[in-house]
């Protein structure tokens, strides 16, 4: 089945669909439509807002091609939510970031006047390259659905020796393997916690409280609170996409790559929040991580003498200011996801805090406790959260 470029479909696919094409645009590029038809792929065009409509039939989807050209991801958080959902569903992603006017020759297809750029790629790619990414995702997906694992090439002598020493009871070997994996994850979780701050810079005028409750042994979240000098404290919460080991490893990279100040000889310069997030994004994008790994972050710089708070965010939930006698306020600042667009722009904002103010930073794991984003009404705080807004941070 193939849809014309002018068709817009919101109904869930009935049979197996090789490619779901997500876009905000009313038309699919003719080159991509020709590629699908040339390769005899079934495809389904869907508006970005309607991705949730096909989640119930996710087992019938091979891969998802996302057209992010022109999408203002500094304001629009839909892309991050879709990418997170696809990662949870183990669906391969091909993310197109822009249409390139310079043609790139394709060897297996008819010539094209344009090419496309994918995320984590600074160069234009040909339609052959695009097909390669799609075909790899489809092959992996069909292996998952069939339950067939690829066989490694020929056993080595070491493998043969291990096979000879295997336990006679297969269930015993399985139980031993599971126990070993659990122990390794437990130890990895302990190592990850070693990267969290051992002490918080509490004072008579400033108090910090942290709740860190990973869903598994290891976490995709990380935070830090660090005194930069006598007058400034830098702090952040970052969230790597996904769960378990890949996300946990990415948090360690974030911890090391996020630099709050630059020291030269006996002098130092404190980076602004926008600089901190921008530099972190460049480092992540430069790694060209596999599997479209990305992260979100909110970094804040507090002047403890003036109580001036400057912050920047990268696709992360907005920090929330809780002021006695006032409704909760989202502190908004534009900023895209980390690790996708190397030249992404991050805007910092400043707010003047008052005595008694409380500031909440959280990750998406607690988002349902704070509130929800509604299509028409915008972000609405949860009633349970509003009932607690006047409590002290220790309560």
Protein backbone atom coordinates (compact mmCIF):
# COMPACT_ATOMS: atom_id res chain seq x y z
CA UNK A 1 0.00 0.00 0.00
CA UNK A 2 1.27 3.47 -0.81
CA UNK A 3 -0.13 6.90 -0.10
CA UNK A 4 0.27 9.83 -2.43
CA UNK A 5 2.19 12.83 -1.15
CA UNK A 6 -0.99 14.83 -0.74
CA UNK A 7 -2.71 12.24 1.44
CA UNK A 8 -2.88 12.70 5.17
CA UNK A 9 -3.88 9.63 7.17
CA UNK A 10 -4.63 9.44 10.88
CA UNK A 11 -6.03 5.90 10.94
CA UNK A 12 -3.83 3.14 12.33
CA UNK A 13 -2.36 0.79 9.70
CA UNK A 14 -4.16 -2.54 9.38
CA UNK A 15 -1.37 -4.75 8.00
CA UNK A 16 2.40 -4.68 8.50
CA UNK A 17 3.78 -1.28 7.43
CA UNK A 18 7.44 -1.10 6.45
CA UNK A 19 7.79 2.64 7.01
CA UNK A 20 5.71 5.18 8.92
CA UNK A 21 6.53 8.69 7.69
CA UNK A 22 5.98 11.31 10.42
CA UNK A 23 5.81 14.94 9.38
CA UNK A 24 4.12 18.26 10.05
CA UNK A 25 3.97 18.91 6.31
CA UNK A 26 1.02 18.06 4.05
CA UNK A 27 3.20 16.40 1.41
CA UNK A 28 5.87 13.73 1.29
CA UNK A 29 8.93 14.62 -0.84
CA UNK A 30 8.62 13.03 -4.26
CA UNK A 31 12.11 11.52 -4.01
CA UNK A 32 11.20 9.63 -0.85
CA UNK A 33 7.90 8.42 -2.27
CA UNK A 34 9.75 7.13 -5.35
CA UNK A 35 12.26 5.36 -3.09
CA UNK A 36 9.49 3.58 -1.19
CA UNK A 37 7.78 2.47 -4.39
CA UNK A 38 11.03 1.45 -6.08
CA UNK A 39 11.90 -0.77 -3.11
CA UNK A 40 8.30 -2.05 -2.95
CA UNK A 41 7.85 -0.82 0.62
CA UNK A 42 4.49 -0.32 2.24
CA UNK A 43 4.32 3.10 3.86
CA UNK A 44 1.95 5.22 5.88
CA UNK A 45 2.11 9.00 6.20
CA UNK A 46 1.08 10.40 9.56
CA UNK A 47 1.03 13.82 11.19
CA UNK A 48 3.41 14.21 14.12
CA UNK A 49 0.49 14.91 16.46
CA UNK A 50 -1.09 11.52 15.70
CA UNK A 51 1.81 9.20 16.50
CA UNK A 52 0.04 8.10 19.68
CA UNK A 53 -2.84 6.78 17.56
CA UNK A 54 -0.71 3.92 16.23
CA UNK A 55 0.97 2.87 19.50
CA UNK A 56 -1.55 0.04 19.91
CA UNK A 57 -0.36 -1.46 16.59
CA UNK A 58 3.34 -0.82 17.09
CA UNK A 59 4.11 -4.50 16.40
CA UNK A 60 3.01 -3.92 12.79
CA UNK A 61 5.53 -1.15 12.09
CA UNK A 62 8.99 -1.75 10.66
CA UNK A 63 10.69 1.63 11.05
CA UNK A 64 9.79 5.29 11.40
CA UNK A 65 11.10 8.08 9.18
CA UNK A 66 10.73 11.49 10.83
CA UNK A 67 10.85 14.66 8.74
CA UNK A 68 12.05 17.28 11.23
CA UNK A 69 12.91 19.94 8.66
CA UNK A 70 11.60 23.31 9.78
CA UNK A 71 10.41 21.98 13.12
CA UNK A 72 11.11 24.52 15.86
CA UNK A 73 12.29 22.03 18.45
CA UNK A 74 13.34 24.82 20.80
CA UNK A 75 9.63 25.43 21.44
CA UNK A 76 8.09 22.18 20.27
CA UNK A 77 8.69 19.21 22.59
CA UNK A 78 6.75 16.75 20.44
CA UNK A 79 9.88 15.46 18.71
CA UNK A 80 11.51 14.50 22.00
CA UNK A 81 8.37 12.73 23.19
CA UNK A 82 8.07 10.79 19.92
CA UNK A 83 11.75 9.79 19.98
CA UNK A 84 11.44 8.58 23.58
CA UNK A 85 8.33 6.57 22.72
CA UNK A 86 10.03 4.94 19.72
CA UNK A 87 13.06 4.09 21.84
CA UNK A 88 10.83 2.40 24.42
CA UNK A 89 9.07 0.48 21.64
CA UNK A 90 12.42 -0.63 20.11
CA UNK A 91 11.54 0.92 16.75
CA UNK A 92 14.40 2.00 14.50
CA UNK A 93 14.42 5.71 13.65
CA UNK A 94 15.62 7.66 10.63
CA UNK A 95 15.57 11.37 11.43
CA UNK A 96 15.80 13.81 8.50
CA UNK A 97 16.88 17.25 9.64
CA UNK A 98 16.84 19.22 6.41
CA UNK A 99 16.52 19.11 2.66
CA UNK A 100 19.81 19.85 0.91
CA UNK A 101 19.70 21.71 -2.39
CA UNK A 102 23.06 20.32 -3.48
CA UNK A 103 22.43 17.02 -5.32
CA UNK A 104 24.23 13.86 -4.27
CA UNK A 105 24.43 11.17 -6.91
CA UNK A 106 22.50 7.96 -6.26
CA UNK A 107 23.81 4.81 -7.94
CA UNK A 108 20.90 2.41 -7.58
CA UNK A 109 18.05 4.84 -8.20
CA UNK A 110 17.21 7.40 -10.83
CA UNK A 111 19.05 10.69 -10.46
CA UNK A 112 17.62 13.24 -8.04
CA UNK A 113 17.90 17.00 -7.89
CA UNK A 114 18.17 17.05 -4.13
CA UNK A 115 19.38 15.07 -1.17
CA UNK A 116 18.71 15.00 2.54
CA UNK A 117 20.59 15.40 5.78
CA UNK A 118 20.17 12.99 8.68
CA UNK A 119 20.72 13.66 12.35
CA UNK A 120 24.34 13.18 13.50
CA UNK A 121 25.50 13.80 9.92
CA UNK A 122 26.99 17.10 8.77
CA UNK A 123 27.08 16.05 5.13
CA UNK A 124 24.30 15.53 2.65
CA UNK A 125 23.37 11.91 2.07
CA UNK A 126 22.21 10.24 -1.11
CA UNK A 127 19.00 8.27 -1.48
CA UNK A 128 21.20 5.16 -1.35
CA UNK A 129 22.38 6.18 2.13
CA UNK A 130 18.81 6.79 3.17
CA UNK A 131 17.78 3.38 1.87
CA UNK A 132 20.69 1.76 3.74
CA UNK A 133 19.47 3.21 7.04
CA UNK A 134 15.90 2.12 6.35
CA UNK A 135 16.88 -1.40 5.29
CA UNK A 136 19.06 -1.92 8.38
CA UNK A 137 16.17 -0.89 10.62
CA UNK A 138 13.76 -3.17 8.77
CA UNK A 139 16.11 -6.14 8.96
CA UNK A 140 16.60 -5.64 12.68
CA UNK A 141 12.87 -5.23 13.27
CA UNK A 142 11.95 -8.38 11.36
CA UNK A 143 14.53 -10.37 13.33
CA UNK A 144 12.90 -9.11 16.53
CA UNK A 145 9.44 -10.13 15.34
CA UNK A 146 10.56 -13.56 14.16
CA UNK A 147 12.49 -14.32 17.33
CA UNK A 148 15.45 -15.50 15.22
CA UNK A 149 18.87 -14.46 16.43
CA UNK A 150 21.75 -14.06 14.03
CA UNK A 151 24.34 -16.83 14.33
CA UNK A 152 27.93 -15.78 14.93
CA UNK A 153 30.54 -17.06 12.50
CA UNK A 154 31.97 -20.41 13.66
CA UNK A 155 32.80 -21.23 17.30
CA UNK A 156 36.27 -20.35 18.47
CA UNK A 157 38.38 -22.75 20.44
CA UNK A 158 37.61 -20.75 23.59
CA UNK A 159 33.87 -21.03 22.94
CA UNK A 160 34.24 -24.78 22.48
CA UNK A 161 36.03 -25.06 25.80
CA UNK A 162 33.32 -23.07 27.56
CA UNK A 163 30.68 -25.24 25.92
CA UNK A 164 32.33 -28.39 27.23
CA UNK A 165 32.26 -26.95 30.75
CA UNK A 166 28.62 -25.90 30.64
CA UNK A 167 26.34 -27.03 33.51
CA UNK A 168 24.43 -30.22 32.84
CA UNK A 169 21.15 -28.55 33.82
CA UNK A 170 20.28 -25.66 31.42
CA UNK A 171 18.01 -24.05 34.02
CA UNK A 172 20.95 -23.89 36.42
CA UNK A 173 23.03 -22.07 33.82
CA UNK A 174 20.20 -19.64 33.11
CA UNK A 175 19.67 -18.88 36.80
CA UNK A 176 23.40 -18.34 37.28
CA UNK A 177 23.51 -16.00 34.29
CA UNK A 178 20.54 -13.97 35.55
CA UNK A 179 22.07 -13.66 39.01
CA UNK A 180 25.35 -12.51 37.51
CA UNK A 181 23.62 -9.87 35.38
CA UNK A 182 21.69 -8.59 38.40
CA UNK A 183 24.88 -8.33 40.41
CA UNK A 184 26.66 -6.46 37.61
CA UNK A 185 23.74 -4.02 37.34
CA UNK A 186 23.74 -3.52 41.09
CA UNK A 187 27.45 -2.72 41.07
CA UNK A 188 26.99 -0.41 38.08
CA UNK A 189 24.28 1.42 40.03
CA UNK A 190 26.65 1.90 42.95
CA UNK A 191 29.33 3.29 40.64
CA UNK A 192 26.82 5.66 39.06
CA UNK A 193 25.81 6.97 42.49
CA UNK A 194 29.47 7.70 43.20
CA UNK A 195 29.20 10.41 40.52
CA UNK A 196 26.42 12.18 42.43
CA UNK A 197 27.37 14.94 44.89
CA UNK A 198 28.31 13.59 48.32
CA UNK A 199 27.39 16.87 50.04
CA UNK A 200 25.04 19.74 49.24
CA UNK A 201 26.04 23.40 49.83
CA UNK A 202 23.43 24.11 52.51
CA UNK A 203 23.63 27.35 54.49
CA UNK A 204 21.45 29.48 56.75
CA UNK A 205 19.97 31.21 53.70
CA UNK A 206 19.90 28.33 51.26
CA UNK A 207 18.72 24.75 51.61
CA UNK A 208 18.88 21.87 49.12
CA UNK A 209 16.80 18.68 49.06
CA UNK A 210 17.22 15.87 46.52
CA UNK A 211 15.07 12.82 45.79
CA UNK A 212 16.76 10.25 43.55
CA UNK A 213 14.64 7.12 42.97
CA UNK A 214 15.75 5.17 39.88
CA UNK A 215 13.23 2.75 38.41
CA UNK A 216 16.04 0.20 37.96
CA UNK A 217 19.49 -0.49 39.39
CA UNK A 218 20.95 2.13 37.06
CA UNK A 219 19.34 5.37 36.01
CA UNK A 220 19.08 7.58 32.94
CA UNK A 221 18.98 10.66 35.21
CA UNK A 222 21.87 12.52 36.77
CA UNK A 223 22.18 15.72 38.78
CA UNK A 224 24.85 17.86 40.36
CA UNK A 225 25.05 20.81 42.74
CA UNK A 226 28.48 22.45 42.86
CA UNK A 227 29.83 25.60 44.48
CA UNK A 228 31.79 27.36 41.73
CA UNK A 229 33.15 30.15 43.93
CA UNK A 230 32.07 32.01 47.07
CA UNK A 231 29.29 33.79 45.20
CA UNK A 232 28.00 31.25 42.67
CA UNK A 233 26.48 27.76 42.73
CA UNK A 234 25.84 25.77 39.57
CA UNK A 235 23.30 22.96 39.51
CA UNK A 236 21.49 20.84 36.94
CA UNK A 237 19.31 17.84 36.23
CA UNK A 238 19.93 15.84 33.04
CA UNK A 239 17.98 12.96 31.57
CA UNK A 240 19.44 10.54 29.01
CA UNK A 241 16.89 8.91 26.72
CA UNK A 242 15.83 5.41 27.67
CA UNK A 243 16.65 3.25 30.64
CA UNK A 244 19.21 0.72 31.84
CA UNK A 245 22.87 0.61 30.82
CA UNK A 246 22.95 2.72 27.60
CA UNK A 247 21.24 5.64 29.32
CA UNK A 248 23.35 5.20 32.46
CA UNK A 249 26.56 5.28 30.44
CA UNK A 250 25.41 8.47 28.75
CA UNK A 251 24.84 10.11 32.14
CA UNK A 252 28.49 9.50 33.04
CA UNK A 253 29.52 11.20 29.80
CA UNK A 254 27.25 14.15 30.65
CA UNK A 255 28.76 14.42 34.12
CA UNK A 256 32.27 14.69 32.68
CA UNK A 257 31.37 16.85 29.67
CA UNK A 258 29.35 19.49 31.53
CA UNK A 259 31.86 22.16 32.54
CA UNK A 260 30.77 25.09 34.72
CA UNK A 261 33.92 27.20 34.62
CA UNK A 262 37.22 27.57 32.80
CA UNK A 263 40.46 27.92 34.74
CA UNK A 264 43.61 29.37 33.16
CA UNK A 265 46.64 29.67 35.43
CA UNK A 266 45.34 31.45 38.54
CA UNK A 267 42.34 32.99 36.84
CA UNK A 268 38.96 31.53 36.05
CA UNK A 269 35.84 32.43 34.12
CA UNK A 270 32.37 31.18 34.99
CA UNK A 271 30.48 29.95 31.95
CA UNK A 272 26.98 31.32 31.48
CA UNK A 273 24.18 28.71 31.50
CA UNK A 274 23.72 29.10 27.74
CA UNK A 275 27.45 28.42 27.23
CA UNK A 276 27.36 25.39 29.51
CA UNK A 277 24.47 23.79 27.65
CA UNK A 278 25.82 24.78 24.22
CA UNK A 279 29.25 23.29 24.94
CA UNK A 280 27.67 20.09 26.25
CA UNK A 281 25.55 19.79 23.12
CA UNK A 282 28.58 20.21 20.84
CA UNK A 283 30.45 17.49 22.74
CA UNK A 284 27.50 15.08 22.55
CA UNK A 285 26.81 15.74 18.88
CA UNK A 286 30.51 15.30 18.12
CA UNK A 287 30.39 11.75 19.49
CA UNK A 288 27.89 10.75 16.76
CA UNK A 289 26.27 8.31 19.16
CA UNK A 290 24.57 5.25 17.70
CA UNK A 291 20.87 4.63 18.08
CA UNK A 292 19.97 8.34 18.08
CA UNK A 293 20.95 8.72 21.72
CA UNK A 294 20.03 12.14 23.06
CA UNK A 295 19.47 13.81 26.39
CA UNK A 296 17.69 16.71 28.04
CA UNK A 297 19.10 19.06 30.64
CA UNK A 298 18.27 22.12 32.72
CA UNK A 299 21.28 24.02 34.07
CA UNK A 300 21.01 26.87 36.57
CA UNK A 301 23.51 29.38 37.93
CA UNK A 302 22.63 31.02 41.24
CA UNK A 303 24.27 34.15 42.64
CA UNK A 304 23.86 33.50 46.35
CA UNK A 305 24.46 37.15 47.29
CA UNK A 306 21.98 38.78 44.92
CA UNK A 307 19.63 35.74 44.66
CA UNK A 308 19.68 36.16 40.90
CA UNK A 309 19.03 32.89 39.06
CA UNK A 310 20.07 32.44 35.43
CA UNK A 311 19.12 29.24 33.65
CA UNK A 312 19.13 27.48 30.28
CA UNK A 313 17.43 24.28 29.23
CA UNK A 314 17.79 21.69 26.48
CA UNK A 315 14.46 19.99 25.86
CA UNK A 316 14.04 19.40 29.60
CA UNK A 317 10.86 20.02 31.63
CA UNK A 318 10.71 23.66 32.69
CA UNK A 319 11.90 24.46 36.22
CA UNK A 320 9.06 25.52 38.51
CA UNK A 321 9.15 28.52 40.82
CA UNK A 322 7.06 28.13 43.97
CA UNK A 323 6.43 31.45 45.70
CA UNK A 324 4.28 31.77 48.81
CA UNK A 325 0.84 33.11 47.99
CA UNK A 326 1.30 32.73 44.22
CA UNK A 327 0.42 29.94 41.78
CA UNK A 328 3.32 27.75 40.59
CA UNK A 329 5.18 29.28 37.66
CA UNK A 330 7.02 27.48 34.89
CA UNK A 331 10.29 29.27 34.10
CA UNK A 332 10.48 29.03 30.34
CA UNK A 333 13.54 29.22 28.11
CA UNK A 334 14.05 27.98 24.57
CA UNK A 335 16.41 25.09 23.94
CA UNK A 336 16.46 21.93 21.82
CA UNK A 337 17.47 18.38 22.71
CA UNK A 338 21.12 17.58 23.40
CA UNK A 339 23.15 15.60 20.90
CA UNK A 340 20.99 15.91 17.78
CA UNK A 341 21.76 19.28 16.20
CA UNK A 342 25.35 20.44 16.65
CA UNK A 343 24.50 24.08 15.91
CA UNK A 344 21.40 24.19 18.11
CA UNK A 345 20.63 27.48 19.81
CA UNK A 346 20.10 27.76 23.56
CA UNK A 347 18.63 30.85 25.20
CA UNK A 348 19.18 31.68 28.85
CA UNK A 349 16.75 33.58 31.05
CA UNK A 350 17.13 35.31 34.42
CA UNK A 351 14.74 35.55 37.36
CA UNK A 352 15.10 37.39 40.66
CA UNK A 353 14.44 35.09 43.59
CA UNK A 354 13.04 36.26 46.91
CA UNK A 355 13.42 34.99 50.45
CA UNK A 356 11.21 31.94 50.91
CA UNK A 357 11.11 31.01 47.22
CA UNK A 358 11.41 27.36 46.28
CA UNK A 359 12.68 26.09 42.93
CA UNK A 360 11.84 22.63 41.59
CA UNK A 361 13.90 20.80 38.97
CA UNK A 362 12.71 17.36 37.93
CA UNK A 363 12.99 14.82 35.13
CA UNK A 364 10.26 13.31 32.97
CA UNK A 365 9.91 10.39 35.38
CA UNK A 366 8.12 12.75 37.78
CA UNK A 367 6.27 14.71 35.12
CA UNK A 368 2.97 12.94 35.72
CA UNK A 369 3.12 13.98 39.38
CA UNK A 370 3.65 17.64 38.49
CA UNK A 371 1.22 18.09 35.62
CA UNK A 372 0.36 17.36 32.01
CA UNK A 373 0.56 19.19 28.70
CA UNK A 374 -2.86 19.44 27.04
CA UNK A 375 -3.27 20.19 23.35
CA UNK A 376 -5.62 23.14 23.85
CA UNK A 377 -5.21 24.24 27.45
CA UNK A 378 -1.42 23.97 27.55
CA UNK A 379 0.41 22.74 30.65
CA UNK A 380 -1.88 22.12 33.62
CA UNK A 381 -0.54 21.39 37.10
CA UNK A 382 -1.89 18.27 38.77
CA UNK A 383 -4.32 18.81 41.63
CA UNK A 384 -2.13 16.73 43.95
CA UNK A 385 0.84 18.97 43.15
CA UNK A 386 -1.16 22.15 43.76
CA UNK A 387 -2.23 20.78 47.14
CA UNK A 388 1.44 20.48 48.16
CA UNK A 389 2.76 23.74 46.69
CA UNK A 390 2.87 25.65 49.99
CA UNK A 391 4.74 22.98 51.95
CA UNK A 392 8.39 23.46 52.82
CA UNK A 393 10.90 21.54 50.75
CA UNK A 394 11.66 19.20 53.65
CA UNK A 395 8.01 18.16 53.82
